[in-house]
Amino acid sequence: YNHNFSAANNEHHIEAHVEINGDANLDFLTIPLTFPEMRLPYTTLTTPSLKDFSIWEETGLKEFLKTTKQSFDLSVKAQYKKNKDKHSIAIPLGVFYEFISQKVSSLDGHSEKARDNVLDFLTTSYNEAKNIPRNIPRNQLKLSLPDFKELSTINEIFIPAMGNITYDFSFKSSVITLNTNVGLFNQSDIVAHFLSSSVFVIDALQYKLEGTSRLTRKRGWKLATALSLSNKFVEGSHDSTISLIKKNIEASVTTTAKVHLPILRMNFKQELSGNTKSKPTLSSSTELKYDFNSSKLYSTAKGAVDHKLSLEALTSYFSIESSTKGDIKGSVLLREYSGSVASEASTYLNAKGSRSSVKLQGA
């Protein structure tokens, strides 16, 4: 077993790195074991005897691990690459200084009046007292505030721009290999990326998951995201875009999924889009196809579903339309069945009134 750790911080980057590796010998699992017949306490039950029982072979470890010489390597690295650019933030301190200066000037005027009133009071008191000079020079009583000097005006402050962040994880052994990479990059666009994958002796546990998100700041704001997953039994993807350009908003989303199981095949797709160019509009469509077949359950089912929706809206009217179609065909215990359905619906509403219609068909 060995491990290493390192860290660094300089004017260019901050990083930390950890490495761990080790070896294990599982030869002891191949030694045949013998268990005599044993009687369970407080019962009349007995356990059967086992002779030359190999944990390595009988439990399936031989097929799973392949070899008794096992090793692993683990590596983790995180890094932050500093950005020399800076962002300025405006701070109107000049207005604050002017406000303080006005308050100090006003306070100085009130102080002068208070000084004169105190001086008159003391002079009158001394003149009325006996054996005390009748006149007191007014310049012997002074009351003043310190001068307030305006500081140098700071109109903005600077903060460092975000740099690039990366993270790498790796684990390797004779059974499985895992890799994960994450990155956040601040360039002309802000980009986030994620990638994770595995290689396993069991195919069902192998996968690849990848995602990317990009924020563009040219001619408005645009956020685009893509995500994908691949596996022996499941596949999927997701793509979305949101744009804010002047007074217009546009958005679109597409999601797909596929399932490949021994008894089930299924395809799913959904699309959604909308914008506010000339008038707010929204449209959506969903498709689903499936095929189920199980010999153990003596059942089959195959069919499809299709759904569409559209919407328009203004201050003068509102409109929505929807349609759905579906069909199925299969069997249960060798008895066949089938069916289909179709429906349409619409609604229109304005200041003068409204109208709606619904249509439904089935077989």
Protein backbone atom coordinates (compact mmCIF):
# COMPACT_ATOMS: atom_id res chain seq x y z
CA TYR A 1 0.00 0.00 0.00
CA ASN A 2 1.35 3.43 -0.98
CA HIS A 3 -0.05 6.91 -1.06
CA ASN A 4 1.20 10.33 -2.14
CA PHE A 5 -0.24 13.78 -1.55
CA SER A 6 0.87 17.08 -3.05
CA ALA A 7 -0.48 20.63 -3.10
CA ALA A 8 0.68 23.87 -4.69
CA ASN A 9 -0.38 27.52 -4.75
CA ASN A 10 1.33 30.11 -6.92
CA GLU A 11 0.44 33.09 -9.07
CA HIS A 12 -0.82 30.86 -11.88
CA HIS A 13 -2.84 28.10 -10.22
CA ILE A 14 -3.91 26.23 -7.08
CA GLU A 15 -3.90 22.44 -7.20
CA ALA A 16 -4.00 19.31 -5.06
CA HIS A 17 -3.20 15.75 -6.08
CA VAL A 18 -3.73 12.44 -4.25
CA GLU A 19 -2.51 9.02 -5.41
CA ILE A 20 -3.17 5.70 -3.66
CA ASN A 21 -2.26 2.22 -4.87
CA GLY A 22 -2.11 -1.21 -3.31
CA ASP A 23 -2.00 -4.97 -3.90
CA ALA A 24 -3.88 -7.89 -2.35
CA ASN A 25 -3.24 -11.63 -2.53
CA LEU A 26 -6.41 -13.74 -2.34
CA ASP A 27 -4.77 -17.15 -2.63
CA PHE A 28 -6.17 -18.12 0.77
CA LEU A 29 -9.65 -18.24 -0.81
CA THR A 30 -8.57 -21.16 -3.01
CA ILE A 31 -7.73 -23.43 -0.06
CA PRO A 32 -10.38 -26.21 0.19
CA LEU A 33 -12.35 -26.16 3.41
CA THR A 34 -14.09 -29.01 5.22
CA PHE A 35 -17.04 -28.49 7.57
CA PRO A 36 -18.30 -31.45 9.61
CA GLU A 37 -21.93 -32.09 10.31
CA MET A 38 -23.09 -29.85 13.15
CA ARG A 39 -26.15 -29.84 15.35
CA LEU A 40 -27.82 -26.52 15.99
CA PRO A 41 -28.11 -25.69 19.71
CA TYR A 42 -31.51 -26.21 21.33
CA THR A 43 -32.88 -27.89 18.19
CA THR A 44 -32.88 -31.29 16.54
CA LEU A 45 -31.63 -29.80 13.26
CA THR A 46 -28.19 -30.57 11.86
CA THR A 47 -26.19 -28.89 9.13
CA PRO A 48 -24.85 -31.05 6.30
CA SER A 49 -21.15 -31.69 6.11
CA LEU A 50 -19.05 -30.04 3.42
CA LYS A 51 -15.83 -31.49 2.09
CA ASP A 52 -13.23 -29.72 -0.02
CA PHE A 53 -15.40 -26.61 -0.35
CA SER A 54 -13.64 -23.81 -2.30
CA ILE A 55 -14.88 -20.29 -1.65
CA TRP A 56 -12.99 -19.07 -4.73
CA GLU A 57 -14.80 -21.42 -7.12
CA GLU A 58 -18.13 -22.22 -5.46
CA THR A 59 -19.15 -18.59 -4.80
CA GLY A 60 -18.34 -17.38 -8.32
CA LEU A 61 -15.36 -15.23 -7.33
CA LYS A 62 -13.22 -17.03 -9.89
CA GLU A 63 -15.43 -15.83 -12.75
CA PHE A 64 -15.86 -12.38 -11.25
CA LEU A 65 -12.30 -11.50 -10.19
CA LYS A 66 -10.47 -13.68 -12.76
CA THR A 67 -7.29 -13.81 -10.66
CA THR A 68 -6.32 -13.95 -7.00
CA LYS A 69 -3.72 -11.22 -7.52
CA GLN A 70 -5.70 -8.03 -7.07
CA SER A 71 -4.41 -4.46 -7.31
CA PHE A 72 -5.93 -1.00 -7.42
CA ASP A 73 -4.88 2.54 -8.29
CA LEU A 74 -6.72 5.65 -7.16
CA SER A 75 -5.96 9.15 -8.41
CA VAL A 76 -7.71 12.41 -7.56
CA LYS A 77 -6.60 15.79 -8.89
CA ALA A 78 -8.23 19.21 -8.48
CA GLN A 79 -6.91 22.40 -10.03
CA TYR A 80 -7.93 26.05 -10.18
CA LYS A 81 -6.23 28.09 -12.89
CA LYS A 82 -6.24 31.75 -11.93
CA ASN A 83 -7.51 34.43 -14.27
CA LYS A 84 -5.51 37.65 -14.54
CA ASP A 85 -8.52 39.62 -15.76
CA LYS A 86 -10.54 41.70 -13.32
CA HIS A 87 -14.12 42.94 -13.17
CA SER A 88 -14.85 46.51 -12.08
CA ILE A 89 -17.86 47.36 -9.94
CA ALA A 90 -18.96 51.00 -9.83
CA ILE A 91 -19.38 52.46 -6.33
CA PRO A 92 -20.66 56.09 -6.13
CA LEU A 93 -18.66 57.08 -3.04
CA GLY A 94 -18.53 60.71 -4.23
CA VAL A 95 -22.23 61.10 -3.39
CA PHE A 96 -21.58 59.65 0.07
CA TYR A 97 -18.70 62.08 0.71
CA GLU A 98 -20.83 65.04 -0.38
CA PHE A 99 -23.61 63.96 1.98
CA ILE A 100 -21.19 63.72 4.93
CA SER A 101 -19.68 67.12 4.07
CA GLN A 102 -23.11 68.77 4.07
CA LYS A 103 -23.96 67.23 7.44
CA VAL A 104 -20.65 68.39 8.95
CA SER A 105 -21.17 71.95 7.65
CA SER A 106 -24.66 72.00 9.13
CA LEU A 107 -23.34 70.68 12.45
CA ASP A 108 -20.62 73.37 12.49
CA GLY A 109 -23.26 76.11 12.08
CA HIS A 110 -25.31 74.73 14.97
CA SER A 111 -22.15 74.51 17.10
CA GLU A 112 -21.37 78.21 16.53
CA LYS A 113 -24.86 79.20 17.66
CA ALA A 114 -24.57 76.99 20.73
CA ARG A 115 -21.16 78.51 21.53
CA ASP A 116 -22.56 82.06 21.41
CA ASN A 117 -25.52 81.12 23.62
CA VAL A 118 -23.23 79.50 26.21
CA LEU A 119 -20.92 82.54 26.17
CA ASP A 120 -23.82 84.96 26.73
CA PHE A 121 -25.11 82.84 29.60
CA LEU A 122 -21.72 82.70 31.34
CA THR A 123 -21.12 86.42 30.84
CA THR A 124 -24.47 87.31 32.39
CA SER A 125 -23.86 84.93 35.31
CA TYR A 126 -20.44 86.43 36.04
CA ASN A 127 -21.73 90.00 35.84
CA GLU A 128 -24.42 89.25 38.39
CA ALA A 129 -21.96 87.64 40.83
CA LYS A 130 -20.15 89.80 43.46
CA ASN A 131 -16.34 90.36 43.61
CA ILE A 132 -16.02 89.12 40.02
CA PRO A 133 -15.05 91.31 37.10
CA ARG A 134 -18.12 92.58 35.29
CA ASN A 135 -16.77 91.98 31.84
CA ILE A 136 -15.35 88.69 30.42
CA PRO A 137 -13.60 88.73 27.07
CA ARG A 138 -15.60 86.69 24.57
CA ASN A 139 -12.46 85.29 22.99
CA GLN A 140 -11.66 83.29 26.16
CA LEU A 141 -14.38 80.73 25.36
CA LYS A 142 -13.84 78.76 22.20
CA LEU A 143 -15.77 75.77 20.90
CA SER A 144 -14.94 74.32 17.50
CA LEU A 145 -15.04 71.02 15.58
CA PRO A 146 -12.09 69.47 13.77
CA ASP A 147 -11.83 70.15 10.06
CA PHE A 148 -13.27 67.46 7.80
CA LYS A 149 -11.16 66.73 4.74
CA GLU A 150 -12.72 64.83 1.89
CA LEU A 151 -10.96 61.56 1.15
CA SER A 152 -9.81 60.67 -2.33
CA THR A 153 -12.88 59.52 -4.23
CA ILE A 154 -13.06 55.80 -5.15
CA ASN A 155 -15.54 55.28 -7.95
CA GLU A 156 -15.04 51.52 -8.49
CA ILE A 157 -13.51 48.40 -7.00
CA PHE A 158 -11.90 45.49 -8.84
CA ILE A 159 -12.43 41.78 -8.19
CA PRO A 160 -10.58 38.93 -9.93
CA ALA A 161 -12.44 37.21 -12.77
CA MET A 162 -13.36 33.57 -12.34
CA GLY A 163 -10.68 31.17 -13.57
CA ASN A 164 -10.84 27.59 -14.84
CA ILE A 165 -11.68 24.73 -12.46
CA THR A 166 -10.93 21.08 -13.29
CA TYR A 167 -11.41 17.86 -11.34
CA ASP A 168 -10.19 14.40 -12.38
CA PHE A 169 -10.97 11.12 -10.64
CA SER A 170 -9.66 7.70 -11.66
CA PHE A 171 -9.98 4.27 -10.07
CA LYS A 172 -8.55 1.14 -11.68
CA SER A 173 -8.59 -2.48 -10.60
CA SER A 174 -8.78 -5.88 -12.25
CA VAL A 175 -12.58 -5.77 -11.93
CA ILE A 176 -13.61 -2.21 -12.70
CA THR A 177 -12.26 1.04 -14.09
CA LEU A 178 -13.95 4.34 -13.22
CA ASN A 179 -13.12 7.74 -14.69
CA THR A 180 -14.75 11.08 -13.95
CA ASN A 181 -13.78 14.50 -15.29
CA VAL A 182 -15.43 17.79 -14.38
CA GLY A 183 -14.51 21.22 -15.71
CA LEU A 184 -15.77 24.80 -15.45
CA PHE A 185 -14.12 27.16 -17.92
CA ASN A 186 -14.43 30.94 -18.12
CA GLN A 187 -13.40 32.02 -21.61
CA SER A 188 -15.33 34.00 -24.21
CA ASP A 189 -18.21 31.74 -23.08
CA ILE A 190 -18.74 30.07 -19.72
CA VAL A 191 -18.62 26.30 -20.27
CA ALA A 192 -19.29 23.47 -17.82
CA HIS A 193 -18.43 19.90 -18.83
CA PHE A 194 -18.95 16.55 -17.11
CA LEU A 195 -17.83 13.09 -18.23
CA SER A 196 -18.05 9.81 -16.33
CA SER A 197 -17.52 6.27 -17.61
CA SER A 198 -16.93 2.77 -16.33
CA VAL A 199 -15.47 -0.47 -17.67
CA PHE A 200 -16.74 -3.49 -15.74
CA VAL A 201 -16.53 -7.25 -16.09
CA ILE A 202 -20.34 -7.20 -16.10
CA ASP A 203 -21.60 -5.50 -19.26
CA ALA A 204 -24.76 -4.23 -17.58
CA LEU A 205 -22.68 -2.03 -15.26
CA GLN A 206 -20.71 -0.35 -18.02
CA TYR A 207 -21.86 3.16 -18.84
CA LYS A 208 -20.91 6.55 -20.22
CA LEU A 209 -22.51 9.75 -18.96
CA GLU A 210 -21.60 13.08 -20.52
CA GLY A 211 -22.98 16.58 -20.14
CA THR A 212 -22.10 20.05 -21.40
CA SER A 213 -23.60 23.44 -20.62
CA ARG A 214 -22.56 26.63 -22.40
CA LEU A 215 -23.52 30.23 -21.58
CA THR A 216 -23.01 32.68 -24.44
CA ARG A 217 -23.11 36.43 -23.75
CA LYS A 218 -22.83 37.80 -27.30
CA ARG A 219 -25.91 39.63 -28.65
CA GLY A 220 -27.89 38.68 -25.58
CA TRP A 221 -27.86 35.62 -23.35
CA LYS A 222 -28.03 32.04 -24.58
CA LEU A 223 -27.81 28.89 -22.46
CA ALA A 224 -27.38 25.55 -24.25
CA THR A 225 -27.28 22.22 -22.40
CA ALA A 226 -26.64 18.71 -23.72
CA LEU A 227 -26.75 15.47 -21.72
CA SER A 228 -26.31 11.88 -22.90
CA LEU A 229 -26.27 8.43 -21.29
CA SER A 230 -25.29 5.15 -22.91
CA ASN A 231 -25.58 1.69 -21.39
CA LYS A 232 -26.24 -1.83 -22.62
CA PHE A 233 -29.88 -1.59 -21.59
CA VAL A 234 -30.60 2.15 -21.44
CA GLU A 235 -29.79 5.08 -23.73
CA GLY A 236 -30.90 8.66 -23.42
CA SER A 237 -30.20 12.23 -24.45
CA HIS A 238 -31.38 15.70 -23.51
CA ASP A 239 -30.81 18.95 -25.41
CA SER A 240 -32.15 22.34 -24.40
CA THR A 241 -31.61 25.93 -25.47
CA ILE A 242 -32.83 29.14 -23.85
CA SER A 243 -32.17 32.51 -25.53
CA LEU A 244 -32.84 36.03 -24.25
CA ILE A 245 -32.28 38.53 -27.06
CA LYS A 246 -33.62 42.04 -26.51
CA LYS A 247 -37.33 41.61 -25.77
CA ASN A 248 -37.61 38.11 -27.23
CA ILE A 249 -37.37 34.81 -25.39
CA GLU A 250 -36.90 31.50 -27.21
CA ALA A 251 -36.69 28.03 -25.71
CA SER A 252 -36.51 24.50 -27.07
CA VAL A 253 -36.15 21.14 -25.32
CA THR A 254 -35.68 17.68 -26.83
CA THR A 255 -35.52 14.50 -24.76
CA THR A 256 -35.10 10.95 -26.05
CA ALA A 257 -34.83 7.61 -24.27
CA LYS A 258 -34.42 4.00 -25.36
CA VAL A 259 -34.81 0.85 -23.27
CA HIS A 260 -33.41 -2.50 -24.44
CA LEU A 261 -34.35 -5.26 -22.01
CA PRO A 262 -34.80 -8.96 -22.79
CA ILE A 263 -38.58 -8.61 -22.44
CA LEU A 264 -39.08 -4.91 -23.24
CA ARG A 265 -38.17 -2.55 -26.07
CA MET A 266 -39.24 1.07 -25.69
CA ASN A 267 -38.57 4.36 -27.51
CA PHE A 268 -39.57 7.72 -26.05
CA LYS A 269 -39.23 11.21 -27.56
CA GLN A 270 -40.48 14.58 -26.38
CA GLU A 271 -40.05 17.98 -28.03
CA LEU A 272 -41.00 21.33 -26.54
CA SER A 273 -40.52 24.76 -28.10
CA GLY A 274 -41.77 28.29 -27.59
CA ASN A 275 -41.00 31.95 -28.27
CA THR A 276 -42.36 35.45 -27.81
CA LYS A 277 -41.45 37.01 -31.18
CA SER A 278 -44.72 38.28 -32.64
CA LYS A 279 -46.93 36.52 -30.09
CA PRO A 280 -46.30 34.02 -27.27
CA THR A 281 -46.50 30.49 -28.68
CA LEU A 282 -45.84 27.06 -27.22
CA SER A 283 -45.85 23.66 -28.91
CA SER A 284 -45.22 20.19 -27.53
CA SER A 285 -45.12 16.68 -28.97
CA THR A 286 -44.64 13.33 -27.24
CA GLU A 287 -44.12 9.94 -28.87
CA LEU A 288 -43.92 6.55 -27.16
CA LYS A 289 -43.44 3.15 -28.79
CA TYR A 290 -43.16 -0.09 -26.84
CA ASP A 291 -42.90 -3.82 -27.39
CA PHE A 292 -43.30 -6.20 -24.44
CA ASN A 293 -42.85 -9.96 -24.78
CA SER A 294 -42.55 -12.40 -21.87
CA SER A 295 -42.72 -16.13 -22.46
CA LYS A 296 -42.78 -16.81 -18.72
CA LEU A 297 -45.85 -14.63 -18.27
CA TYR A 298 -47.42 -15.78 -21.55
CA SER A 299 -48.04 -12.13 -22.37
CA THR A 300 -47.25 -9.71 -25.20
CA ALA A 301 -48.07 -6.06 -25.79
CA LYS A 302 -47.09 -3.76 -28.63
CA GLY A 303 -48.31 -0.25 -29.27
CA ALA A 304 -47.68 3.47 -29.61
CA VAL A 305 -48.92 6.77 -28.16
CA ASP A 306 -48.68 10.16 -29.90
CA HIS A 307 -49.66 13.43 -28.20
CA LYS A 308 -49.45 16.99 -29.58
CA LEU A 309 -50.23 20.34 -27.96
CA SER A 310 -50.10 23.91 -29.27
CA LEU A 311 -50.87 27.19 -27.52
CA GLU A 312 -51.09 30.81 -28.64
CA ALA A 313 -51.82 33.83 -26.50
CA LEU A 314 -52.20 37.58 -26.89
CA THR A 315 -53.96 40.26 -24.91
CA SER A 316 -56.86 39.97 -27.39
CA TYR A 317 -57.28 36.17 -27.53
CA PHE A 318 -56.18 32.78 -26.22
CA SER A 319 -56.06 29.52 -28.22
CA ILE A 320 -55.13 25.94 -27.34
CA GLU A 321 -55.28 22.74 -29.40
CA SER A 322 -54.56 19.17 -28.33
CA SER A 323 -54.61 15.77 -30.04
CA THR A 324 -53.85 12.24 -28.81
CA LYS A 325 -53.58 8.95 -30.68
CA GLY A 326 -52.84 5.52 -29.30
CA ASP A 327 -53.05 1.86 -30.21
CA ILE A 328 -52.18 -1.48 -28.61
CA LYS A 329 -52.10 -5.10 -29.70
CA GLY A 330 -51.09 -8.14 -27.70
CA SER A 331 -52.10 -11.29 -25.90
CA VAL A 332 -52.54 -12.62 -22.37
CA LEU A 333 -52.49 -16.39 -21.79
CA LEU A 334 -52.74 -16.92 -25.56
CA ARG A 335 -55.85 -14.71 -25.77
CA GLU A 336 -55.33 -11.88 -28.23
CA TYR A 337 -56.60 -8.33 -27.79
CA SER A 338 -56.27 -4.98 -29.57
CA GLY A 339 -57.53 -1.43 -29.28
CA SER A 340 -57.07 2.14 -30.45
CA VAL A 341 -58.12 5.61 -29.33
CA ALA A 342 -57.99 9.08 -30.88
CA SER A 343 -59.05 12.42 -29.43
CA GLU A 344 -58.95 16.06 -30.49
CA ALA A 345 -59.77 19.13 -28.41
CA SER A 346 -59.53 22.88 -29.02
CA THR A 347 -60.47 26.06 -27.18
CA TYR A 348 -60.56 29.67 -28.41
CA LEU A 349 -61.26 32.63 -26.14
CA ASN A 350 -61.44 36.40 -26.85
CA ALA A 351 -63.27 39.46 -25.59
CA LYS A 352 -66.42 38.63 -27.59
CA GLY A 353 -66.79 35.07 -26.33
CA SER A 354 -65.36 31.57 -26.50
CA ARG A 355 -65.76 28.31 -28.40
CA SER A 356 -64.61 24.77 -27.69
CA SER A 357 -64.76 21.42 -29.46
CA VAL A 358 -63.97 17.85 -28.42
CA LYS A 359 -63.78 14.75 -30.61
CA LEU A 360 -63.19 11.21 -29.34
CA GLN A 361 -62.93 7.93 -31.24
CA GLY A 362 -62.18 4.46 -29.94
CA ALA A 363 -62.11 0.91 -31.18
